[in-house]
């Protein structure tokens, strides 16, 4: 189950050829839901159940892939989102993950933080995993803001994420990008324990040096 908000869809439709013409950029977001199994009748029952749930929550039009080709086209749209964002602007992508039920609260909070700091974000991700990719666009923002103020906003995004029961990385690890924010998810004792394990296995500091821990 994949999530894509309006701008992600609009830009993908603009930059990618061969996408379904019936896709509208009017809804605030789309969910892409795929069912899998060995028996068509069971899958249709699953789809009917999903449709009933969606209708209970005021969804818009539900599109159904009638063939493998139509399914592949919908997945092409989802997989083209990152490239389309990159074509639109310089950006920073933050990898957040929360319990699935908290995704709406995270998305709402990200947009509120962006409004306060004055940046635009485009969000998409793996709704079935609670994983939301937050793409912050540089657009017309100054280099000074990008280097000095944006990290403060990102820290607020991660603080919100952790407060919702989530953590700093859904699938891309820590590395250099999220290292400055480790203290949000882990206390001093936990970080010291991680450093001790690192020293035990790598006393010379030669394995991927400088990553995760200074």
N, C-alpha and C. Protein backbone atom coordinates (compact mmCIF):
# COMPACT_ATOMS: atom_id res chain seq x y z
N UNK A 1 0.86 -1.19 0.00
CA UNK A 1 0.00 0.00 0.00
C UNK A 1 0.89 1.23 0.00
N UNK A 2 0.84 1.98 -1.08
CA UNK A 2 1.71 3.14 -1.28
C UNK A 2 0.91 4.43 -1.20
N UNK A 3 1.56 5.47 -0.68
CA UNK A 3 0.93 6.78 -0.52
C UNK A 3 1.64 7.80 -1.40
N UNK A 4 0.86 8.64 -2.09
CA UNK A 4 1.42 9.72 -2.91
C UNK A 4 0.52 10.94 -2.77
N UNK A 5 1.10 12.07 -2.38
CA UNK A 5 0.25 13.26 -2.27
C UNK A 5 0.15 13.98 -3.61
N UNK A 6 -0.70 15.00 -3.66
CA UNK A 6 -1.09 15.62 -4.92
C UNK A 6 0.11 16.07 -5.76
N UNK A 7 1.05 16.82 -5.18
CA UNK A 7 2.17 17.33 -5.98
C UNK A 7 3.01 16.20 -6.56
N UNK A 8 3.15 15.11 -5.80
CA UNK A 8 3.91 13.97 -6.32
C UNK A 8 3.25 13.42 -7.58
N UNK A 9 1.92 13.34 -7.57
CA UNK A 9 1.19 12.86 -8.74
C UNK A 9 1.30 13.85 -9.89
N UNK A 10 1.08 15.14 -9.60
CA UNK A 10 1.07 16.15 -10.65
C UNK A 10 2.42 16.22 -11.36
N UNK A 11 3.51 16.21 -10.60
CA UNK A 11 4.83 16.30 -11.22
C UNK A 11 5.18 15.04 -11.98
N UNK A 12 4.77 13.89 -11.47
CA UNK A 12 5.03 12.64 -12.16
C UNK A 12 4.29 12.61 -13.50
N UNK A 13 3.04 13.08 -13.51
CA UNK A 13 2.29 13.13 -14.76
C UNK A 13 2.96 14.07 -15.76
N UNK A 14 3.61 15.10 -15.26
CA UNK A 14 4.24 16.08 -16.14
C UNK A 14 5.56 15.57 -16.72
N UNK A 15 6.31 14.81 -15.93
CA UNK A 15 7.66 14.42 -16.35
C UNK A 15 7.75 13.00 -16.89
N UNK A 16 6.70 12.21 -16.81
CA UNK A 16 6.77 10.80 -17.20
C UNK A 16 5.75 10.50 -18.28
N UNK A 17 6.20 9.89 -19.36
CA UNK A 17 5.31 9.53 -20.45
C UNK A 17 4.67 8.17 -20.20
N UNK A 18 3.53 7.96 -20.83
CA UNK A 18 2.88 6.66 -20.80
C UNK A 18 2.11 6.36 -19.54
N UNK A 19 1.70 7.39 -18.79
CA UNK A 19 0.94 7.16 -17.57
C UNK A 19 -0.56 7.22 -17.88
N UNK A 20 -1.38 6.62 -17.05
CA UNK A 20 -2.82 6.56 -17.33
C UNK A 20 -3.46 7.93 -17.34
N UNK A 21 -4.21 8.22 -18.40
CA UNK A 21 -4.80 9.55 -18.55
C UNK A 21 -5.96 9.78 -17.59
N UNK A 22 -6.53 8.69 -17.03
CA UNK A 22 -7.67 8.88 -16.14
C UNK A 22 -7.27 9.32 -14.73
N UNK A 23 -5.96 9.35 -14.48
CA UNK A 23 -5.50 9.80 -13.17
C UNK A 23 -5.69 11.31 -13.07
N UNK A 24 -6.37 11.75 -12.03
CA UNK A 24 -6.61 13.17 -11.81
C UNK A 24 -5.68 13.69 -10.73
N UNK A 25 -5.29 14.95 -10.86
CA UNK A 25 -4.46 15.57 -9.83
C UNK A 25 -5.30 16.37 -8.85
N UNK A 26 -6.61 16.18 -8.88
CA UNK A 26 -7.49 16.92 -7.97
C UNK A 26 -7.44 16.40 -6.53
N UNK A 27 -7.44 15.08 -6.30
CA UNK A 27 -7.44 14.61 -4.91
C UNK A 27 -6.19 15.05 -4.16
N UNK A 28 -6.31 15.18 -2.85
CA UNK A 28 -5.15 15.57 -2.04
C UNK A 28 -4.07 14.52 -2.02
N UNK A 29 -4.45 13.26 -2.21
CA UNK A 29 -3.47 12.17 -2.19
C UNK A 29 -4.09 10.92 -2.79
N UNK A 30 -3.24 9.98 -3.15
CA UNK A 30 -3.67 8.69 -3.63
C UNK A 30 -3.07 7.59 -2.77
N UNK A 31 -3.82 6.49 -2.63
CA UNK A 31 -3.28 5.23 -2.14
C UNK A 31 -3.25 4.25 -3.29
N UNK A 32 -2.13 3.58 -3.45
CA UNK A 32 -2.00 2.52 -4.44
C UNK A 32 -1.98 1.20 -3.66
N UNK A 33 -3.00 0.39 -3.86
CA UNK A 33 -3.15 -0.84 -3.08
C UNK A 33 -3.12 -2.03 -4.03
N UNK A 34 -2.25 -2.99 -3.74
CA UNK A 34 -2.16 -4.21 -4.55
C UNK A 34 -2.46 -5.42 -3.68
N UNK A 35 -3.29 -6.31 -4.19
CA UNK A 35 -3.58 -7.56 -3.49
C UNK A 35 -2.89 -8.70 -4.24
N UNK A 36 -2.61 -9.77 -3.52
CA UNK A 36 -1.85 -10.86 -4.11
C UNK A 36 -2.39 -12.18 -3.59
N UNK A 37 -2.35 -13.20 -4.42
CA UNK A 37 -2.82 -14.51 -4.01
C UNK A 37 -2.96 -15.44 -5.19
N UNK A 38 -3.48 -16.64 -4.94
CA UNK A 38 -3.55 -17.67 -5.98
C UNK A 38 -4.96 -17.87 -6.54
N UNK A 39 -5.97 -17.27 -5.91
CA UNK A 39 -7.34 -17.53 -6.33
C UNK A 39 -8.05 -16.20 -6.61
N UNK A 40 -8.48 -16.03 -7.83
CA UNK A 40 -9.09 -14.78 -8.26
C UNK A 40 -10.32 -14.41 -7.46
N UNK A 41 -11.16 -15.40 -7.12
CA UNK A 41 -12.38 -15.10 -6.38
C UNK A 41 -12.06 -14.52 -5.00
N UNK A 42 -11.03 -15.07 -4.36
CA UNK A 42 -10.64 -14.55 -3.04
C UNK A 42 -10.09 -13.14 -3.15
N UNK A 43 -9.33 -12.89 -4.21
CA UNK A 43 -8.78 -11.54 -4.40
C UNK A 43 -9.89 -10.53 -4.64
N UNK A 44 -10.92 -10.92 -5.39
CA UNK A 44 -12.03 -10.01 -5.63
C UNK A 44 -12.76 -9.70 -4.32
N UNK A 45 -12.90 -10.70 -3.45
CA UNK A 45 -13.52 -10.45 -2.15
C UNK A 45 -12.67 -9.48 -1.33
N UNK A 46 -11.34 -9.66 -1.41
CA UNK A 46 -10.46 -8.72 -0.71
C UNK A 46 -10.65 -7.30 -1.24
N UNK A 47 -10.74 -7.18 -2.56
CA UNK A 47 -10.92 -5.86 -3.17
C UNK A 47 -12.25 -5.23 -2.75
N UNK A 48 -13.29 -6.05 -2.68
CA UNK A 48 -14.59 -5.52 -2.25
C UNK A 48 -14.53 -5.02 -0.81
N UNK A 49 -13.80 -5.75 0.05
CA UNK A 49 -13.65 -5.31 1.44
C UNK A 49 -12.88 -4.00 1.51
N UNK A 50 -11.79 -3.92 0.75
CA UNK A 50 -11.00 -2.69 0.71
C UNK A 50 -11.86 -1.52 0.24
N UNK A 51 -12.65 -1.76 -0.80
CA UNK A 51 -13.51 -0.71 -1.34
C UNK A 51 -14.50 -0.21 -0.28
N UNK A 52 -15.07 -1.13 0.49
CA UNK A 52 -16.01 -0.74 1.53
C UNK A 52 -15.34 0.14 2.59
N UNK A 53 -14.11 -0.22 2.96
CA UNK A 53 -13.38 0.58 3.95
C UNK A 53 -13.08 1.97 3.39
N UNK A 54 -12.64 2.03 2.13
CA UNK A 54 -12.32 3.31 1.52
C UNK A 54 -13.56 4.21 1.46
N UNK A 55 -14.69 3.64 1.10
CA UNK A 55 -15.92 4.44 0.98
C UNK A 55 -16.37 4.97 2.34
N UNK A 56 -16.04 4.25 3.42
CA UNK A 56 -16.39 4.71 4.76
C UNK A 56 -15.58 5.93 5.17
N UNK A 57 -14.48 6.19 4.46
CA UNK A 57 -13.60 7.30 4.82
C UNK A 57 -13.55 8.37 3.73
N UNK A 58 -14.65 8.54 3.03
CA UNK A 58 -14.82 9.66 2.09
C UNK A 58 -13.75 9.72 1.01
N UNK A 59 -13.40 8.56 0.46
CA UNK A 59 -12.43 8.59 -0.62
C UNK A 59 -13.09 9.09 -1.89
N UNK A 60 -12.27 9.44 -2.86
CA UNK A 60 -12.79 9.85 -4.16
C UNK A 60 -12.99 8.63 -5.05
N UNK A 61 -12.79 8.83 -6.33
CA UNK A 61 -12.98 7.74 -7.29
C UNK A 61 -11.95 6.64 -7.06
N UNK A 62 -12.40 5.40 -7.13
CA UNK A 62 -11.52 4.25 -7.01
C UNK A 62 -11.27 3.68 -8.40
N UNK A 63 -10.01 3.61 -8.78
CA UNK A 63 -9.62 3.06 -10.07
C UNK A 63 -9.16 1.62 -9.87
N UNK A 64 -9.54 0.75 -10.79
CA UNK A 64 -9.23 -0.67 -10.67
C UNK A 64 -8.45 -1.11 -11.91
N UNK A 65 -7.28 -1.71 -11.69
CA UNK A 65 -6.49 -2.22 -12.82
C UNK A 65 -7.13 -3.48 -13.36
N UNK A 66 -7.54 -3.44 -14.62
CA UNK A 66 -8.23 -4.57 -15.23
C UNK A 66 -7.26 -5.59 -15.84
N UNK A 67 -5.98 -5.22 -15.95
CA UNK A 67 -5.02 -6.11 -16.59
C UNK A 67 -3.65 -5.90 -15.96
N UNK A 68 -2.73 -6.80 -16.29
CA UNK A 68 -1.36 -6.67 -15.80
C UNK A 68 -0.71 -5.40 -16.35
N UNK A 69 -1.05 -5.05 -17.59
CA UNK A 69 -0.49 -3.84 -18.19
C UNK A 69 -0.93 -2.60 -17.43
N UNK A 70 -2.22 -2.54 -17.07
CA UNK A 70 -2.71 -1.39 -16.31
C UNK A 70 -2.06 -1.34 -14.92
N UNK A 71 -1.90 -2.50 -14.30
CA UNK A 71 -1.23 -2.55 -13.00
C UNK A 71 0.20 -2.03 -13.11
N UNK A 72 0.92 -2.49 -14.14
CA UNK A 72 2.30 -2.06 -14.32
C UNK A 72 2.39 -0.56 -14.54
N UNK A 73 1.40 0.00 -15.23
CA UNK A 73 1.40 1.45 -15.47
C UNK A 73 1.23 2.22 -14.17
N UNK A 74 0.34 1.73 -13.29
CA UNK A 74 0.15 2.39 -12.00
C UNK A 74 1.42 2.31 -11.15
N UNK A 75 2.09 1.17 -11.18
CA UNK A 75 3.35 1.05 -10.44
C UNK A 75 4.45 1.92 -11.05
N UNK A 76 4.41 2.06 -12.37
CA UNK A 76 5.38 2.96 -13.02
C UNK A 76 5.21 4.38 -12.50
N UNK A 77 3.95 4.79 -12.31
CA UNK A 77 3.68 6.12 -11.78
C UNK A 77 4.30 6.28 -10.39
N UNK A 78 4.08 5.29 -9.53
CA UNK A 78 4.63 5.37 -8.17
C UNK A 78 6.15 5.39 -8.20
N UNK A 79 6.76 4.55 -9.00
CA UNK A 79 8.23 4.46 -9.02
C UNK A 79 8.87 5.68 -9.68
N UNK A 80 8.08 6.44 -10.43
CA UNK A 80 8.62 7.63 -11.10
C UNK A 80 8.58 8.87 -10.21
N UNK A 81 7.93 8.77 -9.05
CA UNK A 81 7.81 9.94 -8.17
C UNK A 81 9.16 10.51 -7.76
N UNK A 82 10.12 9.71 -7.26
CA UNK A 82 11.39 10.30 -6.84
C UNK A 82 12.12 11.04 -7.96
N UNK A 83 12.10 10.48 -9.17
CA UNK A 83 12.77 11.12 -10.31
C UNK A 83 12.08 12.44 -10.65
N UNK A 84 10.75 12.45 -10.56
CA UNK A 84 10.00 13.66 -10.88
C UNK A 84 10.29 14.77 -9.88
N UNK A 85 10.38 14.43 -8.60
CA UNK A 85 10.73 15.42 -7.57
C UNK A 85 12.13 15.98 -7.84
N UNK A 86 13.05 15.10 -8.16
CA UNK A 86 14.42 15.51 -8.44
C UNK A 86 14.48 16.44 -9.65
N UNK A 87 13.65 16.20 -10.65
CA UNK A 87 13.63 17.05 -11.85
C UNK A 87 13.05 18.42 -11.56
N UNK A 88 12.26 18.52 -10.49
CA UNK A 88 11.58 19.77 -10.18
C UNK A 88 12.45 20.73 -9.39
N UNK A 89 13.29 20.20 -8.50
CA UNK A 89 14.04 21.08 -7.60
C UNK A 89 15.14 20.31 -6.89
N UNK A 90 16.17 21.05 -6.45
CA UNK A 90 17.09 20.49 -5.46
C UNK A 90 16.27 20.17 -4.21
N UNK A 91 16.57 19.07 -3.55
CA UNK A 91 15.74 18.68 -2.40
C UNK A 91 16.55 17.88 -1.40
N UNK A 92 16.02 17.80 -0.19
CA UNK A 92 16.53 16.89 0.82
C UNK A 92 15.43 15.87 1.12
N UNK A 93 15.80 14.61 1.16
CA UNK A 93 14.81 13.58 1.48
C UNK A 93 15.09 13.03 2.87
N UNK A 94 14.09 13.11 3.73
CA UNK A 94 14.19 12.54 5.07
C UNK A 94 13.34 11.29 5.14
N UNK A 95 13.87 10.28 5.80
CA UNK A 95 13.25 8.97 5.85
C UNK A 95 12.64 8.76 7.24
N UNK A 96 11.33 8.84 7.35
CA UNK A 96 10.66 8.71 8.64
C UNK A 96 9.78 7.48 8.66
N UNK A 97 9.55 6.94 9.85
CA UNK A 97 8.65 5.79 9.97
C UNK A 97 7.94 5.86 11.31
N UNK A 98 6.63 5.63 11.28
CA UNK A 98 5.80 5.65 12.49
C UNK A 98 4.83 4.46 12.41
N UNK A 99 4.17 4.12 13.52
CA UNK A 99 3.09 3.14 13.42
C UNK A 99 2.08 3.60 12.37
N UNK A 100 1.52 2.67 11.63
CA UNK A 100 0.67 3.03 10.49
C UNK A 100 -0.45 4.00 10.85
N UNK A 101 -1.04 3.79 12.03
CA UNK A 101 -2.17 4.65 12.40
C UNK A 101 -1.75 6.10 12.62
N UNK A 102 -0.44 6.33 12.82
CA UNK A 102 0.05 7.68 13.10
C UNK A 102 0.46 8.44 11.84
N UNK A 103 0.40 7.81 10.69
CA UNK A 103 0.82 8.48 9.45
C UNK A 103 0.07 9.79 9.19
N UNK A 104 -1.25 9.86 9.36
CA UNK A 104 -1.93 11.14 9.13
C UNK A 104 -1.41 12.25 10.05
N UNK A 105 -1.12 11.90 11.30
CA UNK A 105 -0.61 12.90 12.25
C UNK A 105 0.80 13.37 11.84
N UNK A 106 1.60 12.43 11.36
CA UNK A 106 2.95 12.80 10.91
C UNK A 106 2.87 13.73 9.71
N UNK A 107 2.03 13.38 8.74
CA UNK A 107 1.91 14.20 7.53
C UNK A 107 1.42 15.60 7.87
N UNK A 108 0.41 15.68 8.73
CA UNK A 108 -0.12 16.98 9.14
C UNK A 108 0.96 17.80 9.84
N UNK A 109 1.75 17.15 10.70
CA UNK A 109 2.82 17.85 11.41
C UNK A 109 3.92 18.33 10.49
N UNK A 110 4.28 17.51 9.51
CA UNK A 110 5.32 17.91 8.54
C UNK A 110 4.88 19.17 7.79
N UNK A 111 3.63 19.21 7.38
CA UNK A 111 3.13 20.37 6.65
C UNK A 111 3.09 21.61 7.55
N UNK A 112 2.75 21.42 8.83
CA UNK A 112 2.73 22.56 9.75
C UNK A 112 4.13 23.10 9.99
N UNK A 113 5.11 22.21 10.12
CA UNK A 113 6.50 22.65 10.29
C UNK A 113 6.97 23.38 9.04
N UNK A 114 6.62 22.86 7.88
CA UNK A 114 6.99 23.53 6.63
C UNK A 114 6.38 24.92 6.52
N UNK A 115 5.14 25.07 6.96
CA UNK A 115 4.49 26.39 6.92
C UNK A 115 5.20 27.37 7.84
N UNK A 116 5.65 26.87 8.99
CA UNK A 116 6.32 27.76 9.95
C UNK A 116 7.69 28.20 9.46
N UNK A 117 8.40 27.30 8.81
CA UNK A 117 9.75 27.62 8.35
C UNK A 117 9.76 28.17 6.92
N UNK A 118 8.66 28.00 6.20
CA UNK A 118 8.58 28.56 4.86
C UNK A 118 9.14 27.68 3.77
N UNK A 119 9.05 26.36 3.90
CA UNK A 119 9.49 25.49 2.82
C UNK A 119 8.35 24.60 2.36
N UNK A 120 8.45 24.14 1.12
CA UNK A 120 7.47 23.22 0.55
C UNK A 120 8.01 21.80 0.63
N UNK A 121 7.15 20.85 0.91
CA UNK A 121 7.56 19.45 0.93
C UNK A 121 6.61 18.63 0.07
N UNK A 122 7.14 17.56 -0.48
CA UNK A 122 6.35 16.59 -1.22
C UNK A 122 6.56 15.24 -0.53
N UNK A 123 5.47 14.61 -0.14
CA UNK A 123 5.57 13.38 0.65
C UNK A 123 4.97 12.20 -0.11
N UNK A 124 5.63 11.09 0.02
CA UNK A 124 5.14 9.83 -0.53
C UNK A 124 5.81 8.72 0.26
N UNK A 125 5.36 7.49 0.07
CA UNK A 125 6.03 6.42 0.79
C UNK A 125 5.20 5.16 0.88
N UNK A 126 5.64 4.30 1.78
CA UNK A 126 5.08 2.97 1.92
C UNK A 126 4.09 2.98 3.08
N UNK A 127 2.84 3.26 2.78
CA UNK A 127 1.84 3.38 3.83
C UNK A 127 1.65 2.07 4.58
N UNK A 128 1.84 0.95 3.89
CA UNK A 128 1.70 -0.34 4.55
C UNK A 128 2.74 -0.59 5.60
N UNK A 129 3.86 0.12 5.53
CA UNK A 129 4.95 -0.02 6.52
C UNK A 129 5.02 1.17 7.48
N UNK A 130 4.16 2.18 7.28
CA UNK A 130 4.26 3.38 8.10
C UNK A 130 5.45 4.24 7.74
N UNK A 131 5.99 4.07 6.53
CA UNK A 131 7.22 4.74 6.10
C UNK A 131 6.86 5.92 5.18
N UNK A 132 7.22 7.13 5.61
CA UNK A 132 6.92 8.33 4.84
C UNK A 132 8.21 9.02 4.42
N UNK A 133 8.40 9.21 3.13
CA UNK A 133 9.54 9.95 2.62
C UNK A 133 9.14 11.43 2.52
N UNK A 134 9.87 12.26 3.21
CA UNK A 134 9.59 13.70 3.23
C UNK A 134 10.63 14.39 2.36
N UNK A 135 10.22 14.88 1.21
CA UNK A 135 11.12 15.58 0.29
C UNK A 135 10.95 17.08 0.46
N UNK A 136 11.97 17.73 1.01
CA UNK A 136 11.94 19.17 1.24
C UNK A 136 12.60 19.86 0.05
N UNK A 137 11.86 20.76 -0.60
CA UNK A 137 12.33 21.38 -1.84
C UNK A 137 13.08 22.67 -1.54
N UNK A 138 14.19 22.85 -2.22
CA UNK A 138 14.94 24.09 -2.04
C UNK A 138 14.26 25.24 -2.75
N UNK A 139 13.80 24.99 -3.98
CA UNK A 139 13.09 26.04 -4.71
C UNK A 139 13.84 27.35 -4.70
N UNK A 140 13.21 28.42 -4.17
CA UNK A 140 13.82 29.74 -4.11
C UNK A 140 14.46 30.03 -2.75
N UNK A 141 14.57 29.05 -1.91
CA UNK A 141 15.16 29.26 -0.59
C UNK A 141 16.65 29.60 -0.73
N UNK A 142 17.14 30.45 0.14
CA UNK A 142 18.54 30.87 0.07
C UNK A 142 19.46 29.75 0.54
N UNK A 143 20.72 29.84 0.13
CA UNK A 143 21.72 28.87 0.57
C UNK A 143 21.91 28.95 2.08
N UNK A 144 21.82 30.15 2.63
CA UNK A 144 22.00 30.33 4.07
C UNK A 144 20.89 29.62 4.84
N UNK A 145 19.65 29.76 4.37
CA UNK A 145 18.54 29.06 5.02
C UNK A 145 18.74 27.55 4.90
N UNK A 146 19.14 27.11 3.73
CA UNK A 146 19.29 25.68 3.46
C UNK A 146 20.32 25.04 4.40
N UNK A 147 21.39 25.76 4.68
CA UNK A 147 22.45 25.20 5.50
C UNK A 147 22.27 25.46 6.99
N UNK A 148 21.61 26.58 7.36
CA UNK A 148 21.55 26.97 8.77
C UNK A 148 20.20 26.72 9.42
N UNK A 149 19.13 27.03 8.72
CA UNK A 149 17.80 26.94 9.33
C UNK A 149 17.11 25.60 9.08
N UNK A 150 17.33 25.03 7.90
CA UNK A 150 16.62 23.79 7.57
C UNK A 150 16.93 22.66 8.54
N UNK A 151 18.19 22.49 8.99
CA UNK A 151 18.43 21.42 9.97
C UNK A 151 17.58 21.55 11.23
N UNK A 152 17.23 22.77 11.62
CA UNK A 152 16.36 22.95 12.79
C UNK A 152 14.97 22.40 12.49
N UNK A 153 14.48 22.65 11.28
CA UNK A 153 13.18 22.13 10.90
C UNK A 153 13.19 20.61 10.82
N UNK A 154 14.26 20.06 10.26
CA UNK A 154 14.38 18.60 10.16
C UNK A 154 14.40 17.98 11.56
N UNK A 155 15.09 18.63 12.49
CA UNK A 155 15.10 18.15 13.87
C UNK A 155 13.68 18.11 14.44
N UNK A 156 12.89 19.13 14.14
CA UNK A 156 11.50 19.13 14.61
C UNK A 156 10.70 18.00 13.98
N UNK A 157 10.96 17.71 12.71
CA UNK A 157 10.26 16.61 12.05
C UNK A 157 10.59 15.28 12.73
N UNK A 158 11.87 15.08 13.06
CA UNK A 158 12.25 13.84 13.72
C UNK A 158 11.74 13.79 15.16
N UNK A 159 11.70 14.92 15.83
CA UNK A 159 11.13 14.95 17.18
C UNK A 159 9.65 14.55 17.15
N UNK A 160 8.94 15.06 16.15
CA UNK A 160 7.54 14.69 15.98
C UNK A 160 7.42 13.19 15.69
N UNK A 161 8.28 12.70 14.80
CA UNK A 161 8.25 11.29 14.43
C UNK A 161 8.42 10.39 15.65
N UNK A 162 9.42 10.70 16.47
CA UNK A 162 9.68 9.89 17.66
C UNK A 162 8.53 10.01 18.66
N UNK A 163 7.97 11.21 18.79
CA UNK A 163 6.86 11.40 19.73
C UNK A 163 5.64 10.58 19.33
N UNK A 164 5.53 10.23 18.05
CA UNK A 164 4.41 9.42 17.55
C UNK A 164 4.71 7.93 17.62
N UNK A 165 5.82 7.58 18.25
CA UNK A 165 6.19 6.17 18.38
C UNK A 165 7.05 5.67 17.24
N UNK A 166 7.62 6.58 16.46
CA UNK A 166 8.43 6.20 15.31
C UNK A 166 9.91 6.35 15.57
N UNK A 167 10.68 6.33 14.49
CA UNK A 167 12.12 6.47 14.61
C UNK A 167 12.69 7.14 13.36
N UNK A 168 14.02 7.27 13.34
CA UNK A 168 14.68 8.15 12.37
C UNK A 168 14.79 7.58 10.96
N UNK A 169 14.70 6.28 10.82
CA UNK A 169 14.95 5.70 9.51
C UNK A 169 14.05 4.51 9.28
N UNK A 170 13.32 4.55 8.17
CA UNK A 170 12.46 3.43 7.84
C UNK A 170 13.16 2.34 7.06
N UNK A 171 14.10 2.75 6.16
CA UNK A 171 14.72 1.74 5.30
C UNK A 171 16.12 2.13 4.80
N UNK A 172 16.55 3.36 5.04
CA UNK A 172 17.81 3.80 4.43
C UNK A 172 18.97 3.92 5.42
N UNK A 173 18.79 3.50 6.67
CA UNK A 173 19.89 3.54 7.61
C UNK A 173 20.19 4.95 8.10
N UNK A 174 21.28 5.08 8.85
CA UNK A 174 21.64 6.36 9.47
C UNK A 174 22.69 7.08 8.64
N UNK A 175 23.88 6.49 8.50
CA UNK A 175 24.92 7.10 7.68
C UNK A 175 25.28 8.49 8.15
N UNK A 176 25.67 9.35 7.22
CA UNK A 176 26.05 10.72 7.56
C UNK A 176 24.86 11.65 7.67
N UNK A 177 23.77 11.33 6.96
CA UNK A 177 22.66 12.27 6.85
C UNK A 177 21.90 12.42 8.16
N UNK A 178 21.59 11.29 8.80
CA UNK A 178 20.78 11.35 10.01
C UNK A 178 21.58 11.23 11.30
N UNK A 179 22.88 11.15 11.18
CA UNK A 179 23.73 11.05 12.37
C UNK A 179 23.52 12.20 13.35
N UNK A 180 23.37 13.46 12.91
CA UNK A 180 23.20 14.55 13.89
C UNK A 180 21.92 14.45 14.72
N UNK A 181 21.00 13.57 14.31
CA UNK A 181 19.70 13.51 15.00
C UNK A 181 19.55 12.25 15.86
N UNK A 182 20.63 11.49 16.03
CA UNK A 182 20.55 10.25 16.79
C UNK A 182 20.10 10.48 18.23
N UNK A 183 20.46 11.65 18.78
CA UNK A 183 20.11 11.91 20.18
C UNK A 183 18.60 12.06 20.39
N UNK A 184 17.85 12.26 19.30
CA UNK A 184 16.40 12.37 19.43
C UNK A 184 15.79 11.01 19.77
N UNK A 185 16.30 9.97 19.15
CA UNK A 185 15.73 8.63 19.33
C UNK A 185 16.41 7.82 20.43
N UNK A 186 17.65 8.18 20.78
CA UNK A 186 18.42 7.39 21.74
C UNK A 186 19.02 8.28 22.81
N UNK A 187 19.00 7.81 24.06
CA UNK A 187 19.59 8.59 25.14
C UNK A 187 21.10 8.34 25.21
N UNK A 188 21.78 9.02 26.11
CA UNK A 188 23.24 8.95 26.20
C UNK A 188 23.71 7.53 26.49
N UNK A 189 23.03 6.84 27.37
CA UNK A 189 23.43 5.47 27.72
C UNK A 189 23.32 4.55 26.52
N UNK A 190 22.26 4.69 25.76
CA UNK A 190 22.09 3.85 24.58
C UNK A 190 23.15 4.13 23.53
N UNK A 191 23.47 5.41 23.33
CA UNK A 191 24.51 5.77 22.36
C UNK A 191 25.87 5.27 22.81
N UNK A 192 26.16 5.38 24.12
CA UNK A 192 27.44 4.88 24.64
C UNK A 192 27.55 3.37 24.44
N UNK A 193 26.44 2.65 24.63
CA UNK A 193 26.45 1.21 24.42
C UNK A 193 26.74 0.88 22.96
N UNK A 194 26.13 1.62 22.05
CA UNK A 194 26.40 1.39 20.63
C UNK A 194 27.86 1.66 20.29
N UNK A 195 28.43 2.71 20.87
CA UNK A 195 29.84 3.01 20.62
C UNK A 195 30.73 1.91 21.16
N UNK A 196 30.37 1.35 22.32
CA UNK A 196 31.17 0.27 22.91
C UNK A 196 31.14 -0.98 22.02
N UNK A 197 29.97 -1.28 21.46
CA UNK A 197 29.88 -2.42 20.54
C UNK A 197 30.72 -2.16 19.30
N UNK A 198 30.68 -0.95 18.81
CA UNK A 198 31.49 -0.58 17.64
C UNK A 198 32.98 -0.77 17.95
N UNK A 199 33.43 -0.31 19.11
CA UNK A 199 34.85 -0.43 19.47
C UNK A 199 35.25 -1.89 19.63
N UNK A 200 34.33 -2.73 20.15
CA UNK A 200 34.64 -4.14 20.35
C UNK A 200 34.91 -4.85 19.02
N UNK A 201 34.12 -4.53 18.01
CA UNK A 201 34.28 -5.19 16.71
C UNK A 201 35.26 -4.47 15.80
N UNK A 202 35.50 -3.19 16.06
CA UNK A 202 36.34 -2.38 15.17
C UNK A 202 37.25 -1.47 16.00
N UNK A 203 38.17 -2.05 16.78
CA UNK A 203 39.00 -1.23 17.68
C UNK A 203 39.87 -0.22 16.96
N UNK A 204 40.21 -0.47 15.70
CA UNK A 204 41.05 0.46 14.95
C UNK A 204 40.23 1.50 14.18
N UNK A 205 38.91 1.36 14.20
CA UNK A 205 38.06 2.32 13.50
C UNK A 205 38.26 2.35 12.01
N UNK A 206 38.48 1.17 11.42
CA UNK A 206 38.77 1.12 9.99
C UNK A 206 37.59 0.63 9.16
N UNK A 207 36.51 0.19 9.82
CA UNK A 207 35.36 -0.32 9.08
C UNK A 207 34.34 0.81 8.93
N UNK A 208 34.21 1.30 7.71
CA UNK A 208 33.27 2.40 7.41
C UNK A 208 33.48 3.55 8.40
N UNK A 209 34.69 4.09 8.45
CA UNK A 209 35.02 5.08 9.49
C UNK A 209 34.20 6.36 9.38
N UNK A 210 33.82 6.89 10.56
CA UNK A 210 33.12 8.18 10.62
C UNK A 210 31.64 8.12 10.35
N UNK A 211 31.10 6.94 10.03
CA UNK A 211 29.68 6.80 9.79
C UNK A 211 28.96 6.44 11.09
N UNK A 212 27.78 6.98 11.25
CA UNK A 212 26.90 6.75 12.39
C UNK A 212 27.45 7.40 13.65
N UNK A 213 28.70 7.05 14.04
CA UNK A 213 29.30 7.68 15.22
C UNK A 213 30.55 8.44 14.82
N UNK A 214 30.76 9.64 15.33
CA UNK A 214 31.99 10.37 15.04
C UNK A 214 33.22 9.58 15.50
